[in-house]
Amino acid sequence: MMLLLFAVLIGCGDECEQACQTVATELRNCIRDRDWVTTWEDLGADSRANFRQQCEDTWEQDSTDLENREIQQALDTCEAINASAGSLNCEEWRALYVEW
């Protein structure tokens, strides 16, 4: 999960900050669905806010080792996540975020 969490990087005031917010919201919507049996604990967090904070912390920690080109790639990935998040269903979110 940490590799995927790294892929959803977060930076203050950028596309990645929005991506962490977006992913946390989409996962919350799925968790509220009674047919979805995944919990925040299954995602390695206590709550939506905790999940988002972990995402932000991961970016802060890992971004210091990235080159400018890698940071731009991360921002591009986050932009793509924001653009496509609404098109994923809960099973697709589960496949991305729940370890089996």
PDB file of N, CA and C in Angstrom:
ATOM      1  N   MET A   1       0.813  -1.192   0.000  1.00  0.00           N
ATOM      2  CA  MET A   1       0.000   0.000   0.000  1.00  0.00           C
ATOM      3  C   MET A   1       0.858   1.258   0.000  1.00  0.00           C
ATOM      4  N   MET A   2       1.998   1.236   0.670  1.00  0.00           N
ATOM      5  CA  MET A   2       2.823   2.426   0.744  1.00  0.00           C
ATOM      6  C   MET A   2       3.308   2.862  -0.638  1.00  0.00           C
ATOM      7  N   LEU A   3       3.588   1.909  -1.539  1.00  0.00           N
ATOM      8  CA  LEU A   3       4.003   2.301  -2.879  1.00  0.00           C
ATOM      9  C   LEU A   3       2.883   3.037  -3.587  1.00  0.00           C
ATOM     10  N   LEU A   4       1.671   2.563  -3.413  1.00  0.00           N
ATOM     11  CA  LEU A   4       0.550   3.234  -4.045  1.00  0.00           C
ATOM     12  C   LEU A   4       0.305   4.576  -3.378  1.00  0.00           C
ATOM     13  N   LEU A   5       0.447   4.617  -2.086  1.00  0.00           N
ATOM     14  CA  LEU A   5       0.297   5.873  -1.381  1.00  0.00           C
ATOM     15  C   LEU A   5       1.334   6.870  -1.866  1.00  0.00           C
ATOM     16  N   PHE A   6       2.554   6.408  -2.112  1.00  0.00           N
ATOM     17  CA  PHE A   6       3.605   7.262  -2.668  1.00  0.00           C
ATOM     18  C   PHE A   6       3.191   7.772  -4.040  1.00  0.00           C
ATOM     19  N   ALA A   7       2.503   6.956  -4.808  1.00  0.00           N
ATOM     20  CA  ALA A   7       2.065   7.367  -6.140  1.00  0.00           C
ATOM     21  C   ALA A   7       1.028   8.475  -6.066  1.00  0.00           C
ATOM     22  N   VAL A   8       0.315   8.545  -4.967  1.00  0.00           N
ATOM     23  CA  VAL A   8      -0.661   9.607  -4.768  1.00  0.00           C
ATOM     24  C   VAL A   8      -0.002  10.638  -3.871  1.00  0.00           C
ATOM     25  N   LEU A   9       0.975  11.300  -4.389  1.00  0.00           N
ATOM     26  CA  LEU A   9       1.797  12.224  -3.627  1.00  0.00           C
ATOM     27  C   LEU A   9       1.026  13.480  -3.250  1.00  0.00           C
ATOM     28  N   ILE A  10       1.481  14.105  -2.187  1.00  0.00           N
ATOM     29  CA  ILE A  10       0.817  15.309  -1.725  1.00  0.00           C
ATOM     30  C   ILE A  10       1.818  16.440  -1.535  1.00  0.00           C
ATOM     31  N   GLY A  11       1.479  17.610  -1.969  1.00  0.00           N
ATOM     32  CA  GLY A  11       2.300  18.787  -1.757  1.00  0.00           C
ATOM     33  C   GLY A  11       1.409  19.963  -1.419  1.00  0.00           C
ATOM     34  N   CYS A  12       1.897  20.850  -0.627  1.00  0.00           N
ATOM     35  CA  CYS A  12       1.100  21.963  -0.141  1.00  0.00           C
ATOM     36  C   CYS A  12       0.666  22.863  -1.297  1.00  0.00           C
ATOM     37  N   GLY A  13      -0.646  22.972  -1.487  1.00  0.00           N
ATOM     38  CA  GLY A  13      -1.184  23.864  -2.483  1.00  0.00           C
ATOM     39  C   GLY A  13      -1.042  23.427  -3.925  1.00  0.00           C
ATOM     40  N   ASP A  14      -0.800  22.180  -4.192  1.00  0.00           N
ATOM     41  CA  ASP A  14      -0.618  21.736  -5.571  1.00  0.00           C
ATOM     42  C   ASP A  14      -1.633  20.658  -5.935  1.00  0.00           C
ATOM     43  N   GLU A  15      -1.472  20.128  -7.149  1.00  0.00           N
ATOM     44  CA  GLU A  15      -2.373  19.069  -7.633  1.00  0.00           C
ATOM     45  C   GLU A  15      -2.378  17.865  -6.703  1.00  0.00           C
ATOM     46  N   CYS A  16      -1.262  17.585  -6.082  1.00  0.00           N
ATOM     47  CA  CYS A  16      -1.179  16.398  -5.234  1.00  0.00           C
ATOM     48  C   CYS A  16      -1.926  16.574  -3.924  1.00  0.00           C
ATOM     49  N   GLU A  17      -1.948  17.779  -3.418  1.00  0.00           N
ATOM     50  CA  GLU A  17      -2.765  18.041  -2.224  1.00  0.00           C
ATOM     51  C   GLU A  17      -4.219  17.743  -2.542  1.00  0.00           C
ATOM     52  N   GLN A  18      -4.663  18.207  -3.684  1.00  0.00           N
ATOM     53  CA  GLN A  18      -6.040  17.937  -4.108  1.00  0.00           C
ATOM     54  C   GLN A  18      -6.269  16.438  -4.324  1.00  0.00           C
ATOM     55  N   ALA A  19      -5.264  15.741  -4.854  1.00  0.00           N
ATOM     56  CA  ALA A  19      -5.413  14.296  -5.081  1.00  0.00           C
ATOM     57  C   ALA A  19      -5.610  13.554  -3.773  1.00  0.00           C
ATOM     58  N   CYS A  20      -4.876  13.921  -2.743  1.00  0.00           N
ATOM     59  CA  CYS A  20      -5.067  13.250  -1.450  1.00  0.00           C
ATOM     60  C   CYS A  20      -6.479  13.501  -0.923  1.00  0.00           C
ATOM     61  N   GLN A  21      -6.945  14.725  -1.053  1.00  0.00           N
ATOM     62  CA  GLN A  21      -8.313  15.061  -0.638  1.00  0.00           C
ATOM     63  C   GLN A  21      -9.320  14.248  -1.445  1.00  0.00           C
ATOM     64  N   THR A  22      -9.119  14.206  -2.754  1.00  0.00           N
ATOM     65  CA  THR A  22     -10.034  13.503  -3.648  1.00  0.00           C
ATOM     66  C   THR A  22     -10.089  12.014  -3.340  1.00  0.00           C
ATOM     67  N   VAL A  23      -8.932  11.391  -3.202  1.00  0.00           N
ATOM     68  CA  VAL A  23      -8.886   9.954  -2.923  1.00  0.00           C
ATOM     69  C   VAL A  23      -9.526   9.656  -1.570  1.00  0.00           C
ATOM     70  N   ALA A  24      -9.214  10.456  -0.569  1.00  0.00           N
ATOM     71  CA  ALA A  24      -9.801  10.238   0.756  1.00  0.00           C
ATOM     72  C   ALA A  24     -11.326  10.358   0.711  1.00  0.00           C
ATOM     73  N   THR A  25     -11.818  11.306  -0.048  1.00  0.00           N
ATOM     74  CA  THR A  25     -13.272  11.482  -0.181  1.00  0.00           C
ATOM     75  C   THR A  25     -13.903  10.316  -0.922  1.00  0.00           C
ATOM     76  N   GLU A  26     -13.296   9.889  -2.010  1.00  0.00           N
ATOM     77  CA  GLU A  26     -13.832   8.754  -2.771  1.00  0.00           C
ATOM     78  C   GLU A  26     -13.847   7.482  -1.912  1.00  0.00           C
ATOM     79  N   LEU A  27     -12.767   7.257  -1.169  1.00  0.00           N
ATOM     80  CA  LEU A  27     -12.726   6.082  -0.294  1.00  0.00           C
ATOM     81  C   LEU A  27     -13.779   6.176   0.809  1.00  0.00           C
ATOM     82  N   ARG A  28     -13.979   7.369   1.350  1.00  0.00           N
ATOM     83  CA  ARG A  28     -15.022   7.558   2.368  1.00  0.00           C
ATOM     84  C   ARG A  28     -16.388   7.209   1.798  1.00  0.00           C
ATOM     85  N   ASN A  29     -16.649   7.645   0.582  1.00  0.00           N
ATOM     86  CA  ASN A  29     -17.931   7.335  -0.051  1.00  0.00           C
ATOM     87  C   ASN A  29     -18.112   5.827  -0.204  1.00  0.00           C
ATOM     88  N   CYS A  30     -17.053   5.133  -0.545  1.00  0.00           N
ATOM     89  CA  CYS A  30     -17.130   3.677  -0.678  1.00  0.00           C
ATOM     90  C   CYS A  30     -17.320   3.008   0.676  1.00  0.00           C
ATOM     91  N   ILE A  31     -16.621   3.488   1.689  1.00  0.00           N
ATOM     92  CA  ILE A  31     -16.747   2.905   3.024  1.00  0.00           C
ATOM     93  C   ILE A  31     -18.170   3.061   3.543  1.00  0.00           C
ATOM     94  N   ARG A  32     -18.818   4.151   3.197  1.00  0.00           N
ATOM     95  CA  ARG A  32     -20.210   4.378   3.613  1.00  0.00           C
ATOM     96  C   ARG A  32     -21.188   3.443   2.908  1.00  0.00           C
ATOM     97  N   ASP A  33     -20.784   2.902   1.777  1.00  0.00           N
ATOM     98  CA  ASP A  33     -21.624   1.970   1.024  1.00  0.00           C
ATOM     99  C   ASP A  33     -21.707   0.654   1.797  1.00  0.00           C
ATOM    100  N   ARG A  34     -22.876   0.230   2.136  1.00  0.00           N
ATOM    101  CA  ARG A  34     -23.047  -0.977   2.960  1.00  0.00           C
ATOM    102  C   ARG A  34     -22.543  -2.242   2.285  1.00  0.00           C
ATOM    103  N   ASP A  35     -22.450  -2.247   0.977  1.00  0.00           N
ATOM    104  CA  ASP A  35     -21.962  -3.426   0.257  1.00  0.00           C
ATOM    105  C   ASP A  35     -20.440  -3.520   0.254  1.00  0.00           C
ATOM    106  N   TRP A  36     -19.782  -2.447   0.636  1.00  0.00           N
ATOM    107  CA  TRP A  36     -18.309  -2.406   0.634  1.00  0.00           C
ATOM    108  C   TRP A  36     -17.836  -2.721   2.035  1.00  0.00           C
ATOM    109  N   VAL A  37     -17.164  -3.824   2.219  1.00  0.00           N
ATOM    110  CA  VAL A  37     -16.824  -4.272   3.570  1.00  0.00           C
ATOM    111  C   VAL A  37     -15.462  -3.778   4.054  1.00  0.00           C
ATOM    112  N   THR A  38     -14.822  -2.941   3.295  1.00  0.00           N
ATOM    113  CA  THR A  38     -13.522  -2.399   3.679  1.00  0.00           C
ATOM    114  C   THR A  38     -13.702  -1.270   4.690  1.00  0.00           C
ATOM    115  N   THR A  39     -12.785  -1.198   5.657  1.00  0.00           N
ATOM    116  CA  THR A  39     -12.813  -0.149   6.669  1.00  0.00           C
ATOM    117  C   THR A  39     -11.559   0.719   6.542  1.00  0.00           C
ATOM    118  N   TRP A  40     -11.523   1.819   7.269  1.00  0.00           N
ATOM    119  CA  TRP A  40     -10.319   2.657   7.282  1.00  0.00           C
ATOM    120  C   TRP A  40      -9.122   1.860   7.781  1.00  0.00           C
ATOM    121  N   GLU A  41      -9.363   0.983   8.737  1.00  0.00           N
ATOM    122  CA  GLU A  41      -8.273   0.160   9.266  1.00  0.00           C
ATOM    123  C   GLU A  41      -7.667  -0.719   8.173  1.00  0.00           C
ATOM    124  N   ASP A  42      -8.507  -1.220   7.270  1.00  0.00           N
ATOM    125  CA  ASP A  42      -8.012  -2.014   6.139  1.00  0.00           C
ATOM    126  C   ASP A  42      -7.112  -1.176   5.228  1.00  0.00           C
ATOM    127  N   LEU A  43      -7.295   0.125   5.261  1.00  0.00           N
ATOM    128  CA  LEU A  43      -6.514   1.048   4.441  1.00  0.00           C
ATOM    129  C   LEU A  43      -5.329   1.622   5.217  1.00  0.00           C
ATOM    130  N   GLY A  44      -5.127   1.142   6.437  1.00  0.00           N
ATOM    131  CA  GLY A  44      -3.994   1.579   7.244  1.00  0.00           C
ATOM    132  C   GLY A  44      -4.193   2.922   7.920  1.00  0.00           C
ATOM    133  N   ALA A  45      -5.446   3.300   8.126  1.00  0.00           N
ATOM    134  CA  ALA A  45      -5.746   4.597   8.734  1.00  0.00           C
ATOM    135  C   ALA A  45      -6.869   4.441   9.759  1.00  0.00           C
ATOM    136  N   ASP A  46      -7.038   5.463  10.571  1.00  0.00           N
ATOM    137  CA  ASP A  46      -8.122   5.476  11.559  1.00  0.00           C
ATOM    138  C   ASP A  46      -9.375   6.155  11.029  1.00  0.00           C
ATOM    139  N   SER A  47      -9.182   7.049  10.059  1.00  0.00           N
ATOM    140  CA  SER A  47     -10.290   7.849   9.544  1.00  0.00           C
ATOM    141  C   SER A  47      -9.893   8.463   8.206  1.00  0.00           C
ATOM    142  N   ARG A  48     -10.839   9.152   7.605  1.00  0.00           N
ATOM    143  CA  ARG A  48     -10.558   9.854   6.362  1.00  0.00           C
ATOM    144  C   ARG A  48      -9.468  10.896   6.577  1.00  0.00           C
ATOM    145  N   ALA A  49      -9.586  11.649   7.649  1.00  0.00           N
ATOM    146  CA  ALA A  49      -8.585  12.681   7.936  1.00  0.00           C
ATOM    147  C   ALA A  49      -7.201  12.070   8.154  1.00  0.00           C
ATOM    148  N   ASN A  50      -7.161  10.936   8.839  1.00  0.00           N
ATOM    149  CA  ASN A  50      -5.889  10.260   9.085  1.00  0.00           C
ATOM    150  C   ASN A  50      -5.298   9.737   7.788  1.00  0.00           C
ATOM    151  N   PHE A  51      -6.127   9.198   6.902  1.00  0.00           N
ATOM    152  CA  PHE A  51      -5.660   8.716   5.603  1.00  0.00           C
ATOM    153  C   PHE A  51      -5.046   9.873   4.818  1.00  0.00           C
ATOM    154  N   ARG A  52      -5.757  10.987   4.787  1.00  0.00           N
ATOM    155  CA  ARG A  52      -5.261  12.156   4.052  1.00  0.00           C
ATOM    156  C   ARG A  52      -3.954  12.654   4.668  1.00  0.00           C
ATOM    157  N   GLN A  53      -3.880  12.697   5.980  1.00  0.00           N
ATOM    158  CA  GLN A  53      -2.665  13.161   6.646  1.00  0.00           C
ATOM    159  C   GLN A  53      -1.479  12.250   6.341  1.00  0.00           C
ATOM    160  N   GLN A  54      -1.714  10.951   6.301  1.00  0.00           N
ATOM    161  CA  GLN A  54      -0.640  10.021   5.947  1.00  0.00           C
ATOM    162  C   GLN A  54      -0.145  10.279   4.526  1.00  0.00           C
ATOM    163  N   CYS A  55      -1.071  10.563   3.636  1.00  0.00           N
ATOM    164  CA  CYS A  55      -0.715  10.881   2.257  1.00  0.00           C
ATOM    165  C   CYS A  55       0.143  12.148   2.218  1.00  0.00           C
ATOM    166  N   GLU A  56      -0.271  13.161   2.929  1.00  0.00           N
ATOM    167  CA  GLU A  56       0.487  14.411   2.985  1.00  0.00           C
ATOM    168  C   GLU A  56       1.870  14.185   3.591  1.00  0.00           C
ATOM    169  N   ASP A  57       1.931  13.428   4.667  1.00  0.00           N
ATOM    170  CA  ASP A  57       3.212  13.142   5.323  1.00  0.00           C
ATOM    171  C   ASP A  57       4.154  12.380   4.399  1.00  0.00           C
ATOM    172  N   THR A  58       3.605  11.448   3.634  1.00  0.00           N
ATOM    173  CA  THR A  58       4.428  10.680   2.703  1.00  0.00           C
ATOM    174  C   THR A  58       5.062  11.592   1.670  1.00  0.00           C
ATOM    175  N   TRP A  59       4.281  12.520   1.137  1.00  0.00           N
ATOM    176  CA  TRP A  59       4.835  13.452   0.160  1.00  0.00           C
ATOM    177  C   TRP A  59       5.937  14.302   0.789  1.00  0.00           C
ATOM    178  N   GLU A  60       5.663  14.875   1.939  1.00  0.00           N
ATOM    179  CA  GLU A  60       6.669  15.708   2.602  1.00  0.00           C
ATOM    180  C   GLU A  60       7.965  14.942   2.813  1.00  0.00           C
ATOM    181  N   GLN A  61       7.837  13.728   3.236  1.00  0.00           N
ATOM    182  CA  GLN A  61       9.002  12.893   3.523  1.00  0.00           C
ATOM    183  C   GLN A  61       9.745  12.490   2.247  1.00  0.00           C
ATOM    184  N   ASP A  62       9.028  12.013   1.271  1.00  0.00           N
ATOM    185  CA  ASP A  62       9.656  11.441   0.081  1.00  0.00           C
ATOM    186  C   ASP A  62      10.022  12.476  -0.982  1.00  0.00           C
ATOM    187  N   SER A  63       9.358  13.592  -1.005  1.00  0.00           N
ATOM    188  CA  SER A  63       9.617  14.572  -2.061  1.00  0.00           C
ATOM    189  C   SER A  63      10.991  15.207  -1.947  1.00  0.00           C
ATOM    190  N   THR A  64      11.560  15.193  -0.776  1.00  0.00           N
ATOM    191  CA  THR A  64      12.881  15.803  -0.607  1.00  0.00           C
ATOM    192  C   THR A  64      13.955  15.057  -1.388  1.00  0.00           C
ATOM    193  N   ASP A  65      13.697  13.794  -1.709  1.00  0.00           N
ATOM    194  CA  ASP A  65      14.661  12.986  -2.459  1.00  0.00           C
ATOM    195  C   ASP A  65      14.403  12.984  -3.959  1.00  0.00           C
ATOM    196  N   LEU A  66      13.367  13.670  -4.406  1.00  0.00           N
ATOM    197  CA  LEU A  66      13.020  13.668  -5.826  1.00  0.00           C
ATOM    198  C   LEU A  66      13.736  14.790  -6.571  1.00  0.00           C
ATOM    199  N   GLU A  67      14.087  14.487  -7.804  1.00  0.00           N
ATOM    200  CA  GLU A  67      14.634  15.506  -8.689  1.00  0.00           C
ATOM    201  C   GLU A  67      13.474  16.316  -9.264  1.00  0.00           C
ATOM    202  N   ASN A  68      13.774  17.477  -9.814  1.00  0.00           N
ATOM    203  CA  ASN A  68      12.724  18.333 -10.384  1.00  0.00           C
ATOM    204  C   ASN A  68      11.858  17.591 -11.392  1.00  0.00           C
ATOM    205  N   ARG A  69      12.475  16.801 -12.236  1.00  0.00           N
ATOM    206  CA  ARG A  69      11.730  16.032 -13.247  1.00  0.00           C
ATOM    207  C   ARG A  69      10.778  15.052 -12.572  1.00  0.00           C
ATOM    208  N   GLU A  70      11.212  14.426 -11.489  1.00  0.00           N
ATOM    209  CA  GLU A  70      10.363  13.466 -10.778  1.00  0.00           C
ATOM    210  C   GLU A  70       9.209  14.171 -10.069  1.00  0.00           C
ATOM    211  N   ILE A  71       9.478  15.346  -9.542  1.00  0.00           N
ATOM    212  CA  ILE A  71       8.404  16.117  -8.913  1.00  0.00           C
ATOM    213  C   ILE A  71       7.347  16.473  -9.948  1.00  0.00           C
ATOM    214  N   GLN A  72       7.773  16.890 -11.123  1.00  0.00           N
ATOM    215  CA  GLN A  72       6.812  17.222 -12.181  1.00  0.00           C
ATOM    216  C   GLN A  72       6.010  15.995 -12.594  1.00  0.00           C
ATOM    217  N   GLN A  73       6.659  14.837 -12.671  1.00  0.00           N
ATOM    218  CA  GLN A  73       5.937  13.599 -12.986  1.00  0.00           C
ATOM    219  C   GLN A  73       4.889  13.302 -11.907  1.00  0.00           C
ATOM    220  N   ALA A  74       5.250  13.508 -10.650  1.00  0.00           N
ATOM    221  CA  ALA A  74       4.302  13.286  -9.554  1.00  0.00           C
ATOM    222  C   ALA A  74       3.118  14.235  -9.674  1.00  0.00           C
ATOM    223  N   LEU A  75       3.380  15.494  -9.953  1.00  0.00           N
ATOM    224  CA  LEU A  75       2.294  16.465 -10.116  1.00  0.00           C
ATOM    225  C   LEU A  75       1.394  16.091 -11.284  1.00  0.00           C
ATOM    226  N   ASP A  76       1.978  15.612 -12.373  1.00  0.00           N
ATOM    227  CA  ASP A  76       1.190  15.167 -13.527  1.00  0.00           C
ATOM    228  C   ASP A  76       0.316  13.971 -13.161  1.00  0.00           C
ATOM    229  N   THR A  77       0.870  13.043 -12.385  1.00  0.00           N
ATOM    230  CA  THR A  77       0.102  11.880 -11.931  1.00  0.00           C
ATOM    231  C   THR A  77      -1.062  12.323 -11.054  1.00  0.00           C
ATOM    232  N   CYS A  78      -0.799  13.251 -10.163  1.00  0.00           N
ATOM    233  CA  CYS A  78      -1.857  13.752  -9.284  1.00  0.00           C
ATOM    234  C   CYS A  78      -2.954  14.457 -10.072  1.00  0.00           C
ATOM    235  N   GLU A  79      -2.561  15.189 -11.090  1.00  0.00           N
ATOM    236  CA  GLU A  79      -3.547  15.848 -11.945  1.00  0.00           C
ATOM    237  C   GLU A  79      -4.441  14.808 -12.631  1.00  0.00           C
ATOM    238  N   ALA A  80      -3.834  13.725 -13.085  1.00  0.00           N
ATOM    239  CA  ALA A  80      -4.597  12.648 -13.727  1.00  0.00           C
ATOM    240  C   ALA A  80      -5.538  11.976 -12.734  1.00  0.00           C
ATOM    241  N   ILE A  81      -5.096  11.798 -11.510  1.00  0.00           N
ATOM    242  CA  ILE A  81      -5.948  11.210 -10.469  1.00  0.00           C
ATOM    243  C   ILE A  81      -7.156  12.103 -10.235  1.00  0.00           C
ATOM    244  N   ASN A  82      -6.927  13.400 -10.115  1.00  0.00           N
ATOM    245  CA  ASN A  82      -8.033  14.329  -9.901  1.00  0.00           C
ATOM    246  C   ASN A  82      -9.028  14.305 -11.055  1.00  0.00           C
ATOM    247  N   ALA A  83      -8.516  14.188 -12.259  1.00  0.00           N
ATOM    248  CA  ALA A  83      -9.378  14.199 -13.438  1.00  0.00           C
ATOM    249  C   ALA A  83     -10.210  12.924 -13.572  1.00  0.00           C
ATOM    250  N   SER A  84      -9.671  11.798 -13.133  1.00  0.00           N
ATOM    251  CA  SER A  84     -10.356  10.523 -13.362  1.00  0.00           C
ATOM    252  C   SER A  84     -11.023   9.925 -12.132  1.00  0.00           C
ATOM    253  N   ALA A  85     -10.853  10.519 -10.976  1.00  0.00           N
ATOM    254  CA  ALA A  85     -11.349   9.922  -9.731  1.00  0.00           C
ATOM    255  C   ALA A  85     -12.841   9.607  -9.771  1.00  0.00           C
ATOM    256  N   GLY A  86     -13.629  10.488 -10.310  1.00  0.00           N
ATOM    257  CA  GLY A  86     -15.072  10.285 -10.348  1.00  0.00           C
ATOM    258  C   GLY A  86     -15.521   9.158 -11.248  1.00  0.00           C
ATOM    259  N   SER A  87     -14.652   8.703 -12.122  1.00  0.00           N
ATOM    260  CA  SER A  87     -15.037   7.635 -13.045  1.00  0.00           C
ATOM    261  C   SER A  87     -14.766   6.243 -12.476  1.00  0.00           C
ATOM    262  N   LEU A  88     -14.099   6.154 -11.333  1.00  0.00           N
ATOM    263  CA  LEU A  88     -13.819   4.848 -10.732  1.00  0.00           C
ATOM    264  C   LEU A  88     -14.951   4.420  -9.815  1.00  0.00           C
ATOM    265  N   ASN A  89     -15.252   3.133  -9.830  1.00  0.00           N
ATOM    266  CA  ASN A  89     -16.258   2.625  -8.896  1.00  0.00           C
ATOM    267  C   ASN A  89     -15.545   2.073  -7.655  1.00  0.00           C
ATOM    268  N   CYS A  90     -16.307   1.686  -6.664  1.00  0.00           N
ATOM    269  CA  CYS A  90     -15.720   1.245  -5.399  1.00  0.00           C
ATOM    270  C   CYS A  90     -14.851  -0.002  -5.552  1.00  0.00           C
ATOM    271  N   GLU A  91     -15.209  -0.892  -6.435  1.00  0.00           N
ATOM    272  CA  GLU A  91     -14.371  -2.083  -6.640  1.00  0.00           C
ATOM    273  C   GLU A  91     -13.005  -1.706  -7.212  1.00  0.00           C
ATOM    274  N   GLU A  92     -12.984  -0.708  -8.074  1.00  0.00           N
ATOM    275  CA  GLU A  92     -11.711  -0.243  -8.628  1.00  0.00           C
ATOM    276  C   GLU A  92     -10.868   0.444  -7.548  1.00  0.00           C
ATOM    277  N   TRP A  93     -11.525   1.225  -6.685  1.00  0.00           N
ATOM    278  CA  TRP A  93     -10.796   1.832  -5.559  1.00  0.00           C
ATOM    279  C   TRP A  93     -10.228   0.747  -4.643  1.00  0.00           C
ATOM    280  N   ARG A  94     -11.023  -0.280  -4.400  1.00  0.00           N
ATOM    281  CA  ARG A  94     -10.558  -1.375  -3.545  1.00  0.00           C
ATOM    282  C   ARG A  94      -9.330  -2.057  -4.165  1.00  0.00           C
ATOM    283  N   ALA A  95      -9.371  -2.285  -5.457  1.00  0.00           N
ATOM    284  CA  ALA A  95      -8.243  -2.927  -6.129  1.00  0.00           C
ATOM    285  C   ALA A  95      -6.974  -2.082  -6.013  1.00  0.00           C
ATOM    286  N   LEU A  96      -7.137  -0.786  -5.986  1.00  0.00           N
ATOM    287  CA  LEU A  96      -5.981   0.109  -5.882  1.00  0.00           C
ATOM    288  C   LEU A  96      -5.435   0.220  -4.454  1.00  0.00           C
ATOM    289  N   TYR A  97      -6.308   0.149  -3.462  1.00  0.00           N
ATOM    290  CA  TYR A  97      -5.890   0.510  -2.105  1.00  0.00           C
ATOM    291  C   TYR A  97      -5.932  -0.577  -1.048  1.00  0.00           C
ATOM    292  N   VAL A  98      -6.576  -1.691  -1.309  1.00  0.00           N
ATOM    293  CA  VAL A  98      -6.671  -2.736  -0.281  1.00  0.00           C
ATOM    294  C   VAL A  98      -5.717  -3.860  -0.620  1.00  0.00           C
ATOM    295  N   GLU A  99      -4.858  -4.178   0.329  1.00  0.00           N
ATOM    296  CA  GLU A  99      -3.945  -5.319   0.141  1.00  0.00           C
ATOM    297  C   GLU A  99      -4.728  -6.604   0.360  1.00  0.00           C
ATOM    298  N   TRP A 100      -4.511  -7.571  -0.527  1.00  0.00           N
ATOM    299  CA  TRP A 100      -5.214  -8.867  -0.408  1.00  0.00           C
ATOM    300  C   TRP A 100      -4.305  -9.910   0.097  1.00  0.00           C
TER     301      TRP A 100
END
